[in-house]
């Protein structure tokens, strides 16, 4: 089994890919908002999972950002800044996976 630090680093490496994709795509008017939103949601999700993994909080497979934030709070870990509006990203995690 992987060490929590290794899993956290893996999540961050994956998040970095989504952040780079988001940055390249967000300024392109030919790219649909759903594609840009998907990468934004994925980057946030993976960053949250990295923090939880680092602190050995058990994760189940989910794309629910609010659930991940709730896990942070339940584990007495600080929640990210500006998390009040994070639910706006939720649909982007699901829409592209249900087709």
Protein backbone atom coordinates (compact mmCIF):
# COMPACT_ATOMS: atom_id res chain seq x y z
CA UNK A 1 0.00 0.00 0.00
CA UNK A 2 1.21 3.49 -0.79
CA UNK A 3 2.33 5.85 1.91
CA UNK A 4 -0.06 8.77 2.49
CA UNK A 5 2.60 11.22 1.33
CA UNK A 6 3.07 9.35 -1.94
CA UNK A 7 -0.67 9.25 -2.59
CA UNK A 8 -0.94 12.97 -1.82
CA UNK A 9 1.89 13.73 -4.26
CA UNK A 10 0.16 11.63 -6.94
CA UNK A 11 -3.11 13.53 -6.45
CA UNK A 12 -1.23 16.84 -6.72
CA UNK A 13 0.56 15.72 -9.89
CA UNK A 14 -2.78 14.81 -11.44
CA UNK A 15 -4.29 18.11 -10.27
CA UNK A 16 -1.42 19.95 -11.91
CA UNK A 17 -2.33 18.38 -15.26
CA UNK A 18 -5.90 19.59 -14.91
CA UNK A 19 -4.75 23.06 -13.87
CA UNK A 20 -2.54 23.31 -16.95
CA UNK A 21 -5.41 22.14 -19.18
CA UNK A 22 -7.80 24.61 -17.54
CA UNK A 23 -5.39 27.50 -18.08
CA UNK A 24 -4.86 26.65 -21.74
CA UNK A 25 -8.54 26.11 -22.48
CA UNK A 26 -10.25 28.86 -20.48
CA UNK A 27 -9.20 31.64 -22.83
CA UNK A 28 -10.24 29.82 -25.98
CA UNK A 29 -13.71 30.89 -27.12
CA UNK A 30 -14.01 27.73 -29.24
CA UNK A 31 -13.87 25.47 -26.17
CA UNK A 32 -17.18 24.69 -24.45
CA UNK A 33 -17.61 25.83 -20.86
CA UNK A 34 -18.30 22.21 -19.87
CA UNK A 35 -14.80 21.14 -20.89
CA UNK A 36 -13.16 24.03 -19.05
CA UNK A 37 -15.38 23.45 -16.01
CA UNK A 38 -14.52 19.76 -15.99
CA UNK A 39 -10.81 20.50 -15.63
CA UNK A 40 -11.48 23.12 -12.95
CA UNK A 41 -13.59 20.65 -10.98
CA UNK A 42 -11.04 17.89 -11.37
CA UNK A 43 -8.18 20.10 -10.18
CA UNK A 44 -10.07 21.13 -7.05
CA UNK A 45 -11.18 17.56 -6.37
CA UNK A 46 -7.66 16.18 -6.61
CA UNK A 47 -6.21 18.93 -4.43
CA UNK A 48 -8.80 18.22 -1.73
CA UNK A 49 -8.07 14.50 -1.97
CA UNK A 50 -4.34 15.21 -1.66
CA UNK A 51 -4.86 17.01 1.65
CA UNK A 52 -7.12 14.25 2.93
CA UNK A 53 -4.67 11.53 1.85
CA UNK A 54 -1.75 13.33 3.47
CA UNK A 55 -3.65 13.40 6.75
CA UNK A 56 -4.70 9.76 6.42
CA UNK A 57 -8.39 10.48 6.12
CA UNK A 58 -10.07 7.49 4.52
CA UNK A 59 -11.46 8.31 1.09
CA UNK A 60 -14.09 6.62 -0.96
CA UNK A 61 -14.49 7.18 -4.66
CA UNK A 62 -16.42 10.41 -5.09
CA UNK A 63 -16.50 13.52 -7.22
CA UNK A 64 -18.58 15.44 -4.65
CA UNK A 65 -16.51 18.46 -3.65
CA UNK A 66 -18.79 19.36 -0.76
CA UNK A 67 -18.40 15.85 0.66
CA UNK A 68 -14.62 16.22 0.47
CA UNK A 69 -14.79 19.59 2.23
CA UNK A 70 -17.04 18.05 4.88
CA UNK A 71 -14.39 15.37 5.42
CA UNK A 72 -11.80 18.09 5.96
CA UNK A 73 -13.99 19.80 8.56
CA UNK A 74 -14.85 16.50 10.30
CA UNK A 75 -11.12 15.76 10.48
CA UNK A 76 -10.35 19.18 12.02
CA UNK A 77 -8.46 20.24 8.91
CA UNK A 78 -8.86 23.74 7.48
CA UNK A 79 -11.23 24.07 4.57
CA UNK A 80 -9.98 25.85 1.47
CA UNK A 81 -10.59 29.56 0.97
CA UNK A 82 -13.62 30.50 -1.11
CA UNK A 83 -15.23 27.11 -0.64
CA UNK A 84 -18.71 28.58 -0.18
CA UNK A 85 -19.33 28.64 -3.94
CA UNK A 86 -17.57 25.41 -4.75
CA UNK A 87 -20.80 23.55 -5.47
CA UNK A 88 -21.00 25.40 -8.79
CA UNK A 89 -18.30 23.04 -10.08
CA UNK A 90 -20.22 19.89 -9.11
CA UNK A 91 -22.20 19.42 -12.32
CA UNK A 92 -19.01 19.49 -14.38
CA UNK A 93 -17.84 16.30 -12.65
CA UNK A 94 -20.96 14.43 -13.64
CA UNK A 95 -22.12 15.78 -17.00
CA UNK A 96 -19.17 14.52 -19.01
CA UNK A 97 -19.24 11.11 -17.34
CA UNK A 98 -22.90 10.29 -18.01
CA UNK A 99 -22.80 10.38 -21.78
